[in-house]
Amino acid sequence: MGSDESYNFVFKVVLIGESGVGKSNLLSRFTKNEFNHDSRTTIGVEFSTRTVQVDNFTIKAQIWDTAGLERYRVTLISMHIPGWL
């Protein structure tokens, strides 16, 4: 928790799926309210955060976008997300 940010919960969400199904746009829409019809393919792992209020709770969501290509998925997730595997 940073000194200028406080929250009650942290949720880590990993987006996993085939290449080209919209994982990156889901991340972009939720965290930046943007949608790009011509988005590029994710290489490796990208993540972004957003803090939201739900009832009286402040929730920090860490959304991880993985590459859709199977050969990258397990290696990258295990390297970047401690405790995943």
Protein backbone atom coordinates (compact mmCIF):
# COMPACT_ATOMS: atom_id res chain seq x y z
CA MET A 1 0.00 0.00 0.00
CA GLY A 2 1.46 3.35 -1.02
CA SER A 3 1.55 6.28 1.37
CA ASP A 4 -1.01 8.25 -0.67
CA GLU A 5 -3.36 5.35 -1.36
CA SER A 6 -5.41 3.28 1.05
CA TYR A 7 -7.75 0.39 0.31
CA ASN A 8 -9.54 -2.40 2.11
CA PHE A 9 -8.95 -5.20 -0.39
CA VAL A 10 -6.70 -6.06 -3.33
CA PHE A 11 -8.00 -8.35 -6.05
CA LYS A 12 -5.63 -9.80 -8.64
CA VAL A 13 -7.41 -10.85 -11.82
CA VAL A 14 -5.59 -12.74 -14.58
CA LEU A 15 -7.10 -12.60 -18.07
CA ILE A 16 -6.42 -15.87 -19.88
CA GLY A 17 -7.74 -16.83 -23.30
CA GLU A 18 -6.94 -17.39 -26.93
CA SER A 19 -5.21 -14.73 -28.99
CA GLY A 20 -7.51 -12.06 -30.43
CA VAL A 21 -10.52 -12.53 -28.12
CA GLY A 22 -10.32 -9.09 -26.45
CA LYS A 23 -8.34 -9.55 -23.23
CA SER A 24 -6.29 -6.39 -23.82
CA ASN A 25 -9.37 -4.33 -24.64
CA LEU A 26 -11.11 -5.59 -21.50
CA LEU A 27 -8.10 -4.42 -19.47
CA SER A 28 -8.01 -1.07 -21.27
CA ARG A 29 -11.75 -0.47 -20.94
CA PHE A 30 -11.83 -1.26 -17.21
CA THR A 31 -8.68 0.64 -16.20
CA LYS A 32 -8.62 3.59 -18.67
CA ASN A 33 -12.14 3.61 -20.16
CA GLU A 34 -10.63 3.21 -23.63
CA PHE A 35 -11.36 0.75 -26.43
CA ASN A 36 -9.15 0.31 -29.48
CA HIS A 37 -10.52 -1.66 -32.44
CA ASP A 38 -6.98 -1.99 -33.82
CA SER A 39 -5.17 -3.11 -30.66
CA ARG A 40 -1.86 -4.92 -30.97
CA THR A 41 -1.05 -8.45 -29.83
CA THR A 42 0.20 -8.73 -26.26
CA ILE A 43 3.73 -10.06 -25.96
CA GLY A 44 4.40 -11.37 -22.47
CA VAL A 45 2.30 -9.95 -19.65
CA GLU A 46 0.89 -6.47 -19.08
CA PHE A 47 -0.99 -5.23 -16.06
CA SER A 48 -2.83 -2.18 -14.88
CA THR A 49 -4.68 -1.19 -11.73
CA ARG A 50 -7.87 0.60 -10.85
CA THR A 51 -9.26 1.51 -7.45
CA VAL A 52 -13.04 1.34 -7.08
CA GLN A 53 -15.58 1.95 -4.31
CA VAL A 54 -18.07 -0.83 -3.57
CA ASP A 55 -20.44 -0.03 -0.73
CA ASN A 56 -18.14 1.25 2.04
CA PHE A 57 -15.06 -0.58 0.79
CA THR A 58 -12.17 0.65 -1.33
CA ILE A 59 -10.95 -2.10 -3.63
CA LYS A 60 -7.75 -2.06 -5.65
CA ALA A 61 -8.01 -4.28 -8.72
CA GLN A 62 -4.80 -5.47 -10.36
CA ILE A 63 -5.71 -6.78 -13.81
CA TRP A 64 -3.12 -8.92 -15.61
CA ASP A 65 -3.34 -9.38 -19.38
CA THR A 66 -1.51 -12.46 -20.67
CA ALA A 67 -0.35 -13.28 -24.17
CA GLY A 68 -2.87 -15.45 -25.99
CA LEU A 69 -0.22 -17.75 -27.42
CA GLU A 70 -0.02 -20.93 -25.36
CA ARG A 71 3.79 -21.15 -25.58
CA TYR A 72 4.12 -17.92 -23.56
CA ARG A 73 1.29 -18.35 -21.07
CA VAL A 74 2.50 -20.74 -18.33
CA THR A 75 6.09 -19.48 -18.27
CA LEU A 76 5.13 -15.82 -18.14
CA ILE A 77 2.38 -16.23 -15.57
CA SER A 78 4.63 -18.21 -13.23
CA MET A 79 7.44 -15.63 -13.60
CA HIS A 80 5.30 -12.54 -13.06
CA ILE A 81 2.60 -13.61 -10.63
CA PRO A 82 4.07 -15.07 -7.43
CA GLY A 83 2.14 -17.99 -6.01
CA TRP A 84 0.21 -18.60 -9.24
CA LEU A 85 1.65 -22.09 -9.88
